[in-house]
Amino acid sequence: MVFNWLHMAILLFFGVGFLMAVAALLTPFFLSPRSGDPHMGTPYECGIDPITGAWMRFHINYYIYALLFLAFEVDVLYLFPVAVAYGESVGLSAFFKVFVFVFVLALALFFFQAKGVFKWPRKV
C-alpha cells in the first residue's frame, strides 16, 4: 500500500477530531469554578433542606413503562421518514409495507397486554 496525501489528510482529520473531543471534555474540568459547599451533593427540594429519606426508590413498573414508551415512541418516529419516502409512490406496495410495520407494533402492544405488563400492582 502506498501512503499518499489522501491518507495523510484522513489521519490529520481523525487526529484533529480526537483533539477537539478531548478538549471539549477537559475544558470544563479546568475552567469550572470549584465549590467547597457541603450541600453541593444533596438533592434539591425547592431550597429546603431535604428530609431524611429524600432518595426514594421507585417501583420497577415506572421503568418498564418508560422503556416501553421510548421503544414505541422511536418506532412511531420511523413513520415520519416513511411517509416522506412513500409520499409520491404509486400503487399499494407502500401501503402494505407501512401496514405491516404498524401491524407488528400493534401485535407487540397486544403481547404486552397479554403478559400483564400494563397491570399496575396494588400495594397491600
PDB file of N, CA and C in Angstrom:
ATOM      1  N   MET A   1       0.848  -1.187   0.000  1.00  0.00           N
ATOM      2  CA  MET A   1       0.000   0.000   0.000  1.00  0.00           C
ATOM      3  C   MET A   1       0.884   1.238   0.000  1.00  0.00           C
ATOM      4  N   VAL A   2       0.532   2.161  -0.812  1.00  0.00           N
ATOM      5  CA  VAL A   2       1.288   3.401  -0.932  1.00  0.00           C
ATOM      6  C   VAL A   2       0.633   4.449  -0.044  1.00  0.00           C
ATOM      7  N   PHE A   3       1.439   5.108   0.771  1.00  0.00           N
ATOM      8  CA  PHE A   3       0.943   6.163   1.659  1.00  0.00           C
ATOM      9  C   PHE A   3       1.029   7.492   0.918  1.00  0.00           C
ATOM     10  N   ASN A   4      -0.110   8.089   0.596  1.00  0.00           N
ATOM     11  CA  ASN A   4      -0.104   9.350  -0.155  1.00  0.00           C
ATOM     12  C   ASN A   4      -0.768  10.459   0.649  1.00  0.00           C
ATOM     13  N   TRP A   5      -0.986  11.589   0.023  1.00  0.00           N
ATOM     14  CA  TRP A   5      -1.501  12.769   0.714  1.00  0.00           C
ATOM     15  C   TRP A   5      -2.925  12.556   1.219  1.00  0.00           C
ATOM     16  N   LEU A   6      -3.718  11.692   0.554  1.00  0.00           N
ATOM     17  CA  LEU A   6      -5.091  11.439   0.996  1.00  0.00           C
ATOM     18  C   LEU A   6      -5.089  10.700   2.330  1.00  0.00           C
ATOM     19  N   HIS A   7      -4.181   9.723   2.478  1.00  0.00           N
ATOM     20  CA  HIS A   7      -4.074   9.031   3.754  1.00  0.00           C
ATOM     21  C   HIS A   7      -3.639   9.988   4.850  1.00  0.00           C
ATOM     22  N   MET A   8      -2.725  10.868   4.515  1.00  0.00           N
ATOM     23  CA  MET A   8      -2.264  11.861   5.496  1.00  0.00           C
ATOM     24  C   MET A   8      -3.403  12.795   5.903  1.00  0.00           C
ATOM     25  N   ALA A   9      -4.238  13.187   4.949  1.00  0.00           N
ATOM     26  CA  ALA A   9      -5.376  14.061   5.256  1.00  0.00           C
ATOM     27  C   ALA A   9      -6.374  13.354   6.158  1.00  0.00           C
ATOM     28  N   ILE A  10      -6.610  12.076   5.915  1.00  0.00           N
ATOM     29  CA  ILE A  10      -7.541  11.317   6.748  1.00  0.00           C
ATOM     30  C   ILE A  10      -6.995  11.182   8.165  1.00  0.00           C
ATOM     31  N   LEU A  11      -5.717  10.862   8.293  1.00  0.00           N
ATOM     32  CA  LEU A  11      -5.109  10.772   9.625  1.00  0.00           C
ATOM     33  C   LEU A  11      -5.135  12.115  10.341  1.00  0.00           C
ATOM     34  N   LEU A  12      -4.865  13.183   9.621  1.00  0.00           N
ATOM     35  CA  LEU A  12      -4.919  14.519  10.211  1.00  0.00           C
ATOM     36  C   LEU A  12      -6.337  14.853  10.663  1.00  0.00           C
ATOM     37  N   PHE A  13      -7.328  14.490   9.854  1.00  0.00           N
ATOM     38  CA  PHE A  13      -8.724  14.727  10.198  1.00  0.00           C
ATOM     39  C   PHE A  13      -9.095  14.005  11.491  1.00  0.00           C
ATOM     40  N   PHE A  14      -8.729  12.709  11.590  1.00  0.00           N
ATOM     41  CA  PHE A  14      -9.026  11.959  12.802  1.00  0.00           C
ATOM     42  C   PHE A  14      -8.264  12.506  14.005  1.00  0.00           C
ATOM     43  N   GLY A  15      -7.042  12.923  13.809  1.00  0.00           N
ATOM     44  CA  GLY A  15      -6.258  13.489  14.906  1.00  0.00           C
ATOM     45  C   GLY A  15      -6.859  14.776  15.431  1.00  0.00           C
ATOM     46  N   VAL A  16      -7.247  15.679  14.524  1.00  0.00           N
ATOM     47  CA  VAL A  16      -7.849  16.940  14.940  1.00  0.00           C
ATOM     48  C   VAL A  16      -9.205  16.684  15.600  1.00  0.00           C
ATOM     49  N   GLY A  17      -9.987  15.745  15.077  1.00  0.00           N
ATOM     50  CA  GLY A  17     -11.270  15.411  15.697  1.00  0.00           C
ATOM     51  C   GLY A  17     -11.087  14.857  17.096  1.00  0.00           C
ATOM     52  N   PHE A  18     -10.083  13.992  17.278  1.00  0.00           N
ATOM     53  CA  PHE A  18      -9.807  13.441  18.599  1.00  0.00           C
ATOM     54  C   PHE A  18      -9.368  14.545  19.565  1.00  0.00           C
ATOM     55  N   LEU A  19      -8.506  15.445  19.108  1.00  0.00           N
ATOM     56  CA  LEU A  19      -8.063  16.543  19.972  1.00  0.00           C
ATOM     57  C   LEU A  19      -9.219  17.476  20.344  1.00  0.00           C
ATOM     58  N   MET A  20     -10.126  17.713  19.414  1.00  0.00           N
ATOM     59  CA  MET A  20     -11.277  18.569  19.730  1.00  0.00           C
ATOM     60  C   MET A  20     -12.196  17.890  20.748  1.00  0.00           C
ATOM     61  N   ALA A  21     -12.368  16.567  20.626  1.00  0.00           N
ATOM     62  CA  ALA A  21     -13.200  15.854  21.593  1.00  0.00           C
ATOM     63  C   ALA A  21     -12.565  15.876  22.973  1.00  0.00           C
ATOM     64  N   VAL A  22     -11.263  15.668  23.037  1.00  0.00           N
ATOM     65  CA  VAL A  22     -10.562  15.700  24.324  1.00  0.00           C
ATOM     66  C   VAL A  22     -10.620  17.105  24.916  1.00  0.00           C
ATOM     67  N   ALA A  23     -10.456  18.120  24.075  1.00  0.00           N
ATOM     68  CA  ALA A  23     -10.522  19.496  24.565  1.00  0.00           C
ATOM     69  C   ALA A  23     -11.918  19.826  25.095  1.00  0.00           C
ATOM     70  N   ALA A  24     -12.956  19.333  24.416  1.00  0.00           N
ATOM     71  CA  ALA A  24     -14.323  19.594  24.875  1.00  0.00           C
ATOM     72  C   ALA A  24     -14.601  18.907  26.207  1.00  0.00           C
ATOM     73  N   LEU A  25     -13.959  17.782  26.465  1.00  0.00           N
ATOM     74  CA  LEU A  25     -14.168  17.084  27.731  1.00  0.00           C
ATOM     75  C   LEU A  25     -13.322  17.658  28.863  1.00  0.00           C
ATOM     76  N   LEU A  26     -12.139  18.160  28.555  1.00  0.00           N
ATOM     77  CA  LEU A  26     -11.240  18.637  29.606  1.00  0.00           C
ATOM     78  C   LEU A  26     -11.413  20.118  29.934  1.00  0.00           C
ATOM     79  N   THR A  27     -11.898  20.918  29.010  1.00  0.00           N
ATOM     80  CA  THR A  27     -12.036  22.351  29.253  1.00  0.00           C
ATOM     81  C   THR A  27     -12.948  22.656  30.438  1.00  0.00           C
ATOM     82  N   PRO A  28     -14.129  22.069  30.553  1.00  0.00           N
ATOM     83  CA  PRO A  28     -14.956  22.367  31.731  1.00  0.00           C
ATOM     84  C   PRO A  28     -14.305  21.935  33.039  1.00  0.00           C
ATOM     85  N   PHE A  29     -13.520  20.873  32.998  1.00  0.00           N
ATOM     86  CA  PHE A  29     -12.858  20.403  34.210  1.00  0.00           C
ATOM     87  C   PHE A  29     -11.890  21.457  34.737  1.00  0.00           C
ATOM     88  N   PHE A  30     -11.181  22.121  33.843  1.00  0.00           N
ATOM     89  CA  PHE A  30     -10.199  23.109  34.264  1.00  0.00           C
ATOM     90  C   PHE A  30     -10.798  24.496  34.474  1.00  0.00           C
ATOM     91  N   LEU A  31     -11.859  24.844  33.770  1.00  0.00           N
ATOM     92  CA  LEU A  31     -12.405  26.195  33.850  1.00  0.00           C
ATOM     93  C   LEU A  31     -13.587  26.348  34.798  1.00  0.00           C
ATOM     94  N   SER A  32     -14.203  25.256  35.222  1.00  0.00           N
ATOM     95  CA  SER A  32     -15.377  25.377  36.075  1.00  0.00           C
ATOM     96  C   SER A  32     -14.972  25.791  37.483  1.00  0.00           C
ATOM     97  N   PRO A  33     -15.810  26.601  38.126  1.00  0.00           N
ATOM     98  CA  PRO A  33     -15.475  27.029  39.487  1.00  0.00           C
ATOM     99  C   PRO A  33     -15.620  25.869  40.465  1.00  0.00           C
ATOM    100  N   ARG A  34     -14.761  25.865  41.456  1.00  0.00           N
ATOM    101  CA  ARG A  34     -14.797  24.823  42.478  1.00  0.00           C
ATOM    102  C   ARG A  34     -15.577  25.358  43.682  1.00  0.00           C
ATOM    103  N   SER A  35     -16.372  24.492  44.280  1.00  0.00           N
ATOM    104  CA  SER A  35     -17.162  24.887  45.429  1.00  0.00           C
ATOM    105  C   SER A  35     -16.913  23.890  46.553  1.00  0.00           C
ATOM    106  N   GLY A  36     -16.660  24.416  47.738  1.00  0.00           N
ATOM    107  CA  GLY A  36     -16.467  23.553  48.889  1.00  0.00           C
ATOM    108  C   GLY A  36     -17.724  23.422  49.722  1.00  0.00           C
ATOM    109  N   ASP A  37     -18.859  23.781  49.148  1.00  0.00           N
ATOM    110  CA  ASP A  37     -20.122  23.753  49.870  1.00  0.00           C
ATOM    111  C   ASP A  37     -20.523  22.312  50.172  1.00  0.00           C
ATOM    112  N   PRO A  38     -20.822  21.976  51.432  1.00  0.00           N
ATOM    113  CA  PRO A  38     -21.204  20.593  51.750  1.00  0.00           C
ATOM    114  C   PRO A  38     -22.577  20.203  51.192  1.00  0.00           C
ATOM    115  N   HIS A  39     -23.386  21.193  50.837  1.00  0.00           N
ATOM    116  CA  HIS A  39     -24.716  20.905  50.307  1.00  0.00           C
ATOM    117  C   HIS A  39     -24.703  20.674  48.802  1.00  0.00           C
ATOM    118  N   MET A  40     -23.530  20.652  48.196  1.00  0.00           N
ATOM    119  CA  MET A  40     -23.443  20.532  46.750  1.00  0.00           C
ATOM    120  C   MET A  40     -23.990  19.191  46.245  1.00  0.00           C
ATOM    121  N   GLY A  41     -23.809  18.122  46.995  1.00  0.00           N
ATOM    122  CA  GLY A  41     -24.253  16.810  46.541  1.00  0.00           C
ATOM    123  C   GLY A  41     -25.631  16.419  47.003  1.00  0.00           C
ATOM    124  N   THR A  42     -26.327  17.268  47.745  1.00  0.00           N
ATOM    125  CA  THR A  42     -27.646  16.906  48.251  1.00  0.00           C
ATOM    126  C   THR A  42     -28.711  17.160  47.193  1.00  0.00           C
ATOM    127  N   PRO A  43     -29.828  16.433  47.230  1.00  0.00           N
ATOM    128  CA  PRO A  43     -30.886  16.672  46.254  1.00  0.00           C
ATOM    129  C   PRO A  43     -31.560  18.014  46.515  1.00  0.00           C
ATOM    130  N   TYR A  44     -32.008  18.643  45.435  1.00  0.00           N
ATOM    131  CA  TYR A  44     -32.641  19.961  45.533  1.00  0.00           C
ATOM    132  C   TYR A  44     -34.136  19.783  45.753  1.00  0.00           C
ATOM    133  N   GLU A  45     -34.637  20.377  46.834  1.00  0.00           N
ATOM    134  CA  GLU A  45     -36.059  20.317  47.128  1.00  0.00           C
ATOM    135  C   GLU A  45     -36.577  21.722  47.396  1.00  0.00           C
ATOM    136  N   CYS A  46     -36.631  22.521  46.373  1.00  0.00           N
ATOM    137  CA  CYS A  46     -37.194  23.869  46.425  1.00  0.00           C
ATOM    138  C   CYS A  46     -36.500  24.748  47.463  1.00  0.00           C
ATOM    139  N   GLY A  47     -35.228  24.583  47.649  1.00  0.00           N
ATOM    140  CA  GLY A  47     -34.476  25.424  48.569  1.00  0.00           C
ATOM    141  C   GLY A  47     -34.557  24.995  50.011  1.00  0.00           C
ATOM    142  N   ILE A  48     -35.306  23.954  50.314  1.00  0.00           N
ATOM    143  CA  ILE A  48     -35.451  23.474  51.682  1.00  0.00           C
ATOM    144  C   ILE A  48     -34.479  22.320  51.874  1.00  0.00           C
ATOM    145  N   ASP A  49     -33.876  22.232  53.053  1.00  0.00           N
ATOM    146  CA  ASP A  49     -33.006  21.104  53.336  1.00  0.00           C
ATOM    147  C   ASP A  49     -33.810  19.817  53.234  1.00  0.00           C
ATOM    148  N   PRO A  50     -33.256  18.798  52.583  1.00  0.00           N
ATOM    149  CA  PRO A  50     -34.021  17.561  52.396  1.00  0.00           C
ATOM    150  C   PRO A  50     -34.266  16.841  53.710  1.00  0.00           C
ATOM    151  N   ILE A  51     -35.440  16.258  53.797  1.00  0.00           N
ATOM    152  CA  ILE A  51     -35.815  15.462  54.960  1.00  0.00           C
ATOM    153  C   ILE A  51     -35.175  14.087  54.793  1.00  0.00           C
ATOM    154  N   THR A  52     -35.045  13.358  55.863  1.00  0.00           N
ATOM    155  CA  THR A  52     -34.446  12.031  55.750  1.00  0.00           C
ATOM    156  C   THR A  52     -35.243  11.188  54.773  1.00  0.00           C
ATOM    157  N   GLY A  53     -34.560  10.373  54.020  1.00  0.00           N
ATOM    158  CA  GLY A  53     -35.216   9.526  53.026  1.00  0.00           C
ATOM    159  C   GLY A  53     -35.542  10.273  51.749  1.00  0.00           C
ATOM    160  N   ALA A  54     -34.748  11.296  51.424  1.00  0.00           N
ATOM    161  CA  ALA A  54     -35.022  12.059  50.219  1.00  0.00           C
ATOM    162  C   ALA A  54     -34.796  11.233  48.962  1.00  0.00           C
ATOM    163  N   TRP A  55     -33.918  10.238  49.066  1.00  0.00           N
ATOM    164  CA  TRP A  55     -33.680   9.366  47.912  1.00  0.00           C
ATOM    165  C   TRP A  55     -34.726   8.264  47.937  1.00  0.00           C
ATOM    166  N   MET A  56     -35.740   8.386  47.081  1.00  0.00           N
ATOM    167  CA  MET A  56     -36.826   7.415  47.040  1.00  0.00           C
ATOM    168  C   MET A  56     -36.492   6.296  46.061  1.00  0.00           C
ATOM    169  N   ARG A  57     -37.021   5.151  46.333  1.00  0.00           N
ATOM    170  CA  ARG A  57     -36.925   4.050  45.387  1.00  0.00           C
ATOM    171  C   ARG A  57     -38.254   3.950  44.657  1.00  0.00           C
ATOM    172  N   PHE A  58     -38.178   3.897  43.347  1.00  0.00           N
ATOM    173  CA  PHE A  58     -39.376   3.761  42.548  1.00  0.00           C
ATOM    174  C   PHE A  58     -39.583   2.294  42.198  1.00  0.00           C
ATOM    175  N   HIS A  59     -40.825   1.923  42.012  1.00  0.00           N
ATOM    176  CA  HIS A  59     -41.155   0.559  41.634  1.00  0.00           C
ATOM    177  C   HIS A  59     -40.663   0.294  40.218  1.00  0.00           C
ATOM    178  N   ILE A  60     -40.374  -0.946  39.925  1.00  0.00           N
ATOM    179  CA  ILE A  60     -39.825  -1.321  38.631  1.00  0.00           C
ATOM    180  C   ILE A  60     -40.793  -1.012  37.496  1.00  0.00           C
ATOM    181  N   ASN A  61     -42.092  -0.944  37.788  1.00  0.00           N
ATOM    182  CA  ASN A  61     -43.069  -0.663  36.736  1.00  0.00           C
ATOM    183  C   ASN A  61     -42.889   0.724  36.140  1.00  0.00           C
ATOM    184  N   TYR A  62     -42.409   1.690  36.909  1.00  0.00           N
ATOM    185  CA  TYR A  62     -42.125   3.008  36.347  1.00  0.00           C
ATOM    186  C   TYR A  62     -41.102   2.891  35.236  1.00  0.00           C
ATOM    187  N   TYR A  63     -40.068   2.108  35.480  1.00  0.00           N
ATOM    188  CA  TYR A  63     -39.004   1.966  34.496  1.00  0.00           C
ATOM    189  C   TYR A  63     -39.473   1.157  33.290  1.00  0.00           C
ATOM    190  N   ILE A  64     -40.313   0.159  33.533  1.00  0.00           N
ATOM    191  CA  ILE A  64     -40.838  -0.633  32.417  1.00  0.00           C
ATOM    192  C   ILE A  64     -41.711   0.243  31.522  1.00  0.00           C
ATOM    193  N   TYR A  65     -42.568   1.073  32.127  1.00  0.00           N
ATOM    194  CA  TYR A  65     -43.389   1.982  31.332  1.00  0.00           C
ATOM    195  C   TYR A  65     -42.524   2.960  30.550  1.00  0.00           C
ATOM    196  N   ALA A  66     -41.470   3.457  31.182  1.00  0.00           N
ATOM    197  CA  ALA A  66     -40.590   4.402  30.486  1.00  0.00           C
ATOM    198  C   ALA A  66     -39.900   3.732  29.302  1.00  0.00           C
ATOM    199  N   LEU A  67     -39.429   2.507  29.490  1.00  0.00           N
ATOM    200  CA  LEU A  67     -38.772   1.803  28.386  1.00  0.00           C
ATOM    201  C   LEU A  67     -39.751   1.472  27.266  1.00  0.00           C
ATOM    202  N   LEU A  68     -40.956   1.062  27.622  1.00  0.00           N
ATOM    203  CA  LEU A  68     -41.960   0.797  26.589  1.00  0.00           C
ATOM    204  C   LEU A  68     -42.316   2.067  25.836  1.00  0.00           C
ATOM    205  N   PHE A  69     -42.453   3.173  26.576  1.00  0.00           N
ATOM    206  CA  PHE A  69     -42.757   4.437  25.912  1.00  0.00           C
ATOM    207  C   PHE A  69     -41.653   4.811  24.941  1.00  0.00           C
ATOM    208  N   LEU A  70     -40.399   4.696  25.366  1.00  0.00           N
ATOM    209  CA  LEU A  70     -39.291   5.038  24.473  1.00  0.00           C
ATOM    210  C   LEU A  70     -39.261   4.128  23.251  1.00  0.00           C
ATOM    211  N   ALA A  71     -39.475   2.840  23.456  1.00  0.00           N
ATOM    212  CA  ALA A  71     -39.427   1.909  22.327  1.00  0.00           C
ATOM    213  C   ALA A  71     -40.514   2.228  21.306  1.00  0.00           C
ATOM    214  N   PHE A  72     -41.730   2.441  21.766  1.00  0.00           N
ATOM    215  CA  PHE A  72     -42.813   2.711  20.822  1.00  0.00           C
ATOM    216  C   PHE A  72     -42.736   4.119  20.260  1.00  0.00           C
ATOM    217  N   GLU A  73     -42.203   5.051  21.023  1.00  0.00           N
ATOM    218  CA  GLU A  73     -42.041   6.408  20.511  1.00  0.00           C
ATOM    219  C   GLU A  73     -41.039   6.430  19.368  1.00  0.00           C
ATOM    220  N   VAL A  74     -39.946   5.710  19.524  1.00  0.00           N
ATOM    221  CA  VAL A  74     -38.945   5.651  18.459  1.00  0.00           C
ATOM    222  C   VAL A  74     -39.522   4.949  17.241  1.00  0.00           C
ATOM    223  N   ASP A  75     -40.292   3.885  17.456  1.00  0.00           N
ATOM    224  CA  ASP A  75     -40.901   3.196  16.320  1.00  0.00           C
ATOM    225  C   ASP A  75     -41.889   4.091  15.585  1.00  0.00           C
ATOM    226  N   VAL A  76     -42.648   4.865  16.324  1.00  0.00           N
ATOM    227  CA  VAL A  76     -43.601   5.767  15.685  1.00  0.00           C
ATOM    228  C   VAL A  76     -42.864   6.884  14.950  1.00  0.00           C
ATOM    229  N   LEU A  77     -41.716   7.306  15.469  1.00  0.00           N
ATOM    230  CA  LEU A  77     -40.944   8.329  14.766  1.00  0.00           C
ATOM    231  C   LEU A  77     -40.427   7.839  13.425  1.00  0.00           C
ATOM    232  N   TYR A  78     -40.304   6.529  13.258  1.00  0.00           N
ATOM    233  CA  TYR A  78     -39.905   5.993  11.957  1.00  0.00           C
ATOM    234  C   TYR A  78     -40.986   6.218  10.904  1.00  0.00           C
ATOM    235  N   LEU A  79     -42.210   6.467  11.326  1.00  0.00           N
ATOM    236  CA  LEU A  79     -43.286   6.667  10.364  1.00  0.00           C
ATOM    237  C   LEU A  79     -43.162   7.993   9.613  1.00  0.00           C
ATOM    238  N   PHE A  80     -42.518   8.992  10.191  1.00  0.00           N
ATOM    239  CA  PHE A  80     -42.377  10.277   9.509  1.00  0.00           C
ATOM    240  C   PHE A  80     -41.482  10.183   8.275  1.00  0.00           C
ATOM    241  N   PRO A  81     -40.277   9.612   8.375  1.00  0.00           N
ATOM    242  CA  PRO A  81     -39.500   9.482   7.140  1.00  0.00           C
ATOM    243  C   PRO A  81     -40.125   8.521   6.142  1.00  0.00           C
ATOM    244  N   VAL A  82     -40.847   7.515   6.632  1.00  0.00           N
ATOM    245  CA  VAL A  82     -41.529   6.594   5.720  1.00  0.00           C
ATOM    246  C   VAL A  82     -42.613   7.334   4.961  1.00  0.00           C
ATOM    247  N   ALA A  83     -43.335   8.203   5.644  1.00  0.00           N
ATOM    248  CA  ALA A  83     -44.386   8.976   4.981  1.00  0.00           C
ATOM    249  C   ALA A  83     -43.791   9.902   3.920  1.00  0.00           C
ATOM    250  N   VAL A  84     -42.614  10.454   4.192  1.00  0.00           N
ATOM    251  CA  VAL A  84     -41.973  11.314   3.199  1.00  0.00           C
ATOM    252  C   VAL A  84     -41.458  10.484   2.029  1.00  0.00           C
ATOM    253  N   ALA A  85     -40.871   9.327   2.329  1.00  0.00           N
ATOM    254  CA  ALA A  85     -40.306   8.500   1.266  1.00  0.00           C
ATOM    255  C   ALA A  85     -41.390   7.907   0.372  1.00  0.00           C
ATOM    256  N   TYR A  86     -42.506   7.504   0.975  1.00  0.00           N
ATOM    257  CA  TYR A  86     -43.575   6.898   0.195  1.00  0.00           C
ATOM    258  C   TYR A  86     -44.652   7.903  -0.182  1.00  0.00           C
ATOM    259  N   GLY A  87     -44.403   9.173  -0.010  1.00  0.00           N
ATOM    260  CA  GLY A  87     -45.418  10.186  -0.267  1.00  0.00           C
ATOM    261  C   GLY A  87     -45.888  10.225  -1.701  1.00  0.00           C
ATOM    262  N   GLU A  88     -45.001   9.956  -2.638  1.00  0.00           N
ATOM    263  CA  GLU A  88     -45.375  10.046  -4.049  1.00  0.00           C
ATOM    264  C   GLU A  88     -45.332   8.685  -4.737  1.00  0.00           C
ATOM    265  N   SER A  89     -45.390   7.622  -3.962  1.00  0.00           N
ATOM    266  CA  SER A  89     -45.356   6.291  -4.573  1.00  0.00           C
ATOM    267  C   SER A  89     -46.717   5.955  -5.164  1.00  0.00           C
ATOM    268  N   VAL A  90     -46.680   5.159  -6.196  1.00  0.00           N
ATOM    269  CA  VAL A  90     -47.907   4.776  -6.888  1.00  0.00           C
ATOM    270  C   VAL A  90     -48.166   3.300  -6.590  1.00  0.00           C
ATOM    271  N   GLY A  91     -49.392   2.971  -6.301  1.00  0.00           N
ATOM    272  CA  GLY A  91     -49.741   1.585  -6.050  1.00  0.00           C
ATOM    273  C   GLY A  91     -49.917   1.319  -4.571  1.00  0.00           C
ATOM    274  N   LEU A  92     -50.182   0.063  -4.271  1.00  0.00           N
ATOM    275  CA  LEU A  92     -50.463  -0.333  -2.904  1.00  0.00           C
ATOM    276  C   LEU A  92     -49.248  -0.903  -2.179  1.00  0.00           C
ATOM    277  N   SER A  93     -48.115  -0.972  -2.812  1.00  0.00           N
ATOM    278  CA  SER A  93     -46.954  -1.592  -2.163  1.00  0.00           C
ATOM    279  C   SER A  93     -46.512  -0.783  -0.946  1.00  0.00           C
ATOM    280  N   ALA A  94     -46.515   0.531  -1.053  1.00  0.00           N
ATOM    281  CA  ALA A  94     -46.125   1.363   0.087  1.00  0.00           C
ATOM    282  C   ALA A  94     -47.124   1.216   1.227  1.00  0.00           C
ATOM    283  N   PHE A  95     -48.403   1.143   0.877  1.00  0.00           N
ATOM    284  CA  PHE A  95     -49.430   0.970   1.900  1.00  0.00           C
ATOM    285  C   PHE A  95     -49.223  -0.331   2.665  1.00  0.00           C
ATOM    286  N   PHE A  96     -48.959  -1.411   1.952  1.00  0.00           N
ATOM    287  CA  PHE A  96     -48.777  -2.698   2.614  1.00  0.00           C
ATOM    288  C   PHE A  96     -47.518  -2.724   3.472  1.00  0.00           C
ATOM    289  N   LYS A  97     -46.462  -2.060   3.033  1.00  0.00           N
ATOM    290  CA  LYS A  97     -45.230  -2.011   3.834  1.00  0.00           C
ATOM    291  C   LYS A  97     -45.469  -1.273   5.148  1.00  0.00           C
ATOM    292  N   VAL A  98     -46.142  -0.128   5.078  1.00  0.00           N
ATOM    293  CA  VAL A  98     -46.429   0.630   6.301  1.00  0.00           C
ATOM    294  C   VAL A  98     -47.440  -0.120   7.158  1.00  0.00           C
ATOM    295  N   PHE A  99     -48.405  -0.778   6.525  1.00  0.00           N
ATOM    296  CA  PHE A  99     -49.392  -1.555   7.268  1.00  0.00           C
ATOM    297  C   PHE A  99     -48.729  -2.682   8.046  1.00  0.00           C
ATOM    298  N   VAL A 100     -47.764  -3.357   7.457  1.00  0.00           N
ATOM    299  CA  VAL A 100     -47.058  -4.431   8.155  1.00  0.00           C
ATOM    300  C   VAL A 100     -46.308  -3.868   9.356  1.00  0.00           C
ATOM    301  N   PHE A 101     -45.663  -2.724   9.191  1.00  0.00           N
ATOM    302  CA  PHE A 101     -44.931  -2.088  10.290  1.00  0.00           C
ATOM    303  C   PHE A 101     -45.869  -1.751  11.444  1.00  0.00           C
ATOM    304  N   VAL A 102     -46.992  -1.115  11.149  1.00  0.00           N
ATOM    305  CA  VAL A 102     -47.945  -0.734  12.192  1.00  0.00           C
ATOM    306  C   VAL A 102     -48.600  -1.979  12.791  1.00  0.00           C
ATOM    307  N   PHE A 103     -48.822  -3.002  11.981  1.00  0.00           N
ATOM    308  CA  PHE A 103     -49.410  -4.237  12.474  1.00  0.00           C
ATOM    309  C   PHE A 103     -48.477  -4.919  13.476  1.00  0.00           C
ATOM    310  N   VAL A 104     -47.184  -4.919  13.203  1.00  0.00           N
ATOM    311  CA  VAL A 104     -46.227  -5.517  14.136  1.00  0.00           C
ATOM    312  C   VAL A 104     -46.204  -4.717  15.437  1.00  0.00           C
ATOM    313  N   LEU A 105     -46.295  -3.390  15.355  1.00  0.00           N
ATOM    314  CA  LEU A 105     -46.381  -2.578  16.573  1.00  0.00           C
ATOM    315  C   LEU A 105     -47.632  -2.921  17.381  1.00  0.00           C
ATOM    316  N   ALA A 106     -48.757  -3.090  16.687  1.00  0.00           N
ATOM    317  CA  ALA A 106     -50.000  -3.441  17.386  1.00  0.00           C
ATOM    318  C   ALA A 106     -49.892  -4.826  18.012  1.00  0.00           C
ATOM    319  N   LEU A 107     -49.262  -5.769  17.315  1.00  0.00           N
ATOM    320  CA  LEU A 107     -49.067  -7.100  17.894  1.00  0.00           C
ATOM    321  C   LEU A 107     -48.211  -7.030  19.154  1.00  0.00           C
ATOM    322  N   ALA A 108     -47.206  -6.177  19.147  1.00  0.00           N
ATOM    323  CA  ALA A 108     -46.370  -6.027  20.339  1.00  0.00           C
ATOM    324  C   ALA A 108     -47.190  -5.485  21.504  1.00  0.00           C
ATOM    325  N   LEU A 109     -48.063  -4.521  21.229  1.00  0.00           N
ATOM    326  CA  LEU A 109     -48.926  -3.998  22.296  1.00  0.00           C
ATOM    327  C   LEU A 109     -49.843  -5.083  22.853  1.00  0.00           C
ATOM    328  N   PHE A 110     -50.431  -5.885  21.974  1.00  0.00           N
ATOM    329  CA  PHE A 110     -51.300  -6.972  22.433  1.00  0.00           C
ATOM    330  C   PHE A 110     -50.509  -8.007  23.225  1.00  0.00           C
ATOM    331  N   PHE A 111     -49.286  -8.269  22.802  1.00  0.00           N
ATOM    332  CA  PHE A 111     -48.433  -9.213  23.517  1.00  0.00           C
ATOM    333  C   PHE A 111     -48.141  -8.716  24.928  1.00  0.00           C
ATOM    334  N   PHE A 112     -47.784  -7.432  25.045  1.00  0.00           N
ATOM    335  CA  PHE A 112     -47.501  -6.869  26.369  1.00  0.00           C
ATOM    336  C   PHE A 112     -48.753  -6.850  27.237  1.00  0.00           C
ATOM    337  N   GLN A 113     -49.899  -6.597  26.627  1.00  0.00           N
ATOM    338  CA  GLN A 113     -51.154  -6.614  27.381  1.00  0.00           C
ATOM    339  C   GLN A 113     -51.440  -8.024  27.896  1.00  0.00           C
ATOM    340  N   ALA A 114     -51.219  -9.041  27.059  1.00  0.00           N
ATOM    341  CA  ALA A 114     -51.466 -10.418  27.470  1.00  0.00           C
ATOM    342  C   ALA A 114     -50.491 -10.864  28.556  1.00  0.00           C
ATOM    343  N   LYS A 115     -49.271 -10.347  28.532  1.00  0.00           N
ATOM    344  CA  LYS A 115     -48.281 -10.694  29.548  1.00  0.00           C
ATOM    345  C   LYS A 115     -48.543  -9.978  30.875  1.00  0.00           C
ATOM    346  N   GLY A 116     -49.430  -8.983  30.882  1.00  0.00           N
ATOM    347  CA  GLY A 116     -49.754  -8.270  32.104  1.00  0.00           C
ATOM    348  C   GLY A 116     -48.794  -7.137  32.432  1.00  0.00           C
ATOM    349  N   VAL A 117     -48.085  -6.638  31.435  1.00  0.00           N
ATOM    350  CA  VAL A 117     -47.129  -5.556  31.684  1.00  0.00           C
ATOM    351  C   VAL A 117     -47.863  -4.277  32.086  1.00  0.00           C
ATOM    352  N   PHE A 118     -49.047  -4.050  31.544  1.00  0.00           N
ATOM    353  CA  PHE A 118     -49.758  -2.808  31.812  1.00  0.00           C
ATOM    354  C   PHE A 118     -50.611  -2.841  33.072  1.00  0.00           C
ATOM    355  N   LYS A 119     -50.617  -3.953  33.775  1.00  0.00           N
ATOM    356  CA  LYS A 119     -51.368  -4.034  35.033  1.00  0.00           C
ATOM    357  C   LYS A 119     -50.519  -3.491  36.156  1.00  0.00           C
ATOM    358  N   TRP A 120     -51.033  -2.502  36.839  1.00  0.00           N
ATOM    359  CA  TRP A 120     -50.286  -1.889  37.934  1.00  0.00           C
ATOM    360  C   TRP A 120     -50.519  -2.678  39.210  1.00  0.00           C
ATOM    361  N   PRO A 121     -49.452  -3.148  39.869  1.00  0.00           N
ATOM    362  CA  PRO A 121     -49.674  -3.925  41.097  1.00  0.00           C
ATOM    363  C   PRO A 121     -50.158  -3.021  42.225  1.00  0.00           C
ATOM    364  N   ARG A 122     -51.084  -3.561  43.016  1.00  0.00           N
ATOM    365  CA  ARG A 122     -51.612  -2.785  44.143  1.00  0.00           C
ATOM    366  C   ARG A 122     -50.759  -3.025  45.364  1.00  0.00           C
ATOM    367  N   LYS A 123     -50.542  -1.954  46.124  1.00  0.00           N
ATOM    368  CA  LYS A 123     -49.821  -2.099  47.366  1.00  0.00           C
ATOM    369  C   LYS A 123     -50.749  -2.683  48.406  1.00  0.00           C
ATOM    370  N   VAL A 124     -50.232  -3.558  49.204  1.00  0.00           N
ATOM    371  CA  VAL A 124     -51.044  -4.194  50.247  1.00  0.00           C
ATOM    372  C   VAL A 124     -50.800  -3.477  51.554  1.00  0.00           C
TER     373      VAL A 124
END
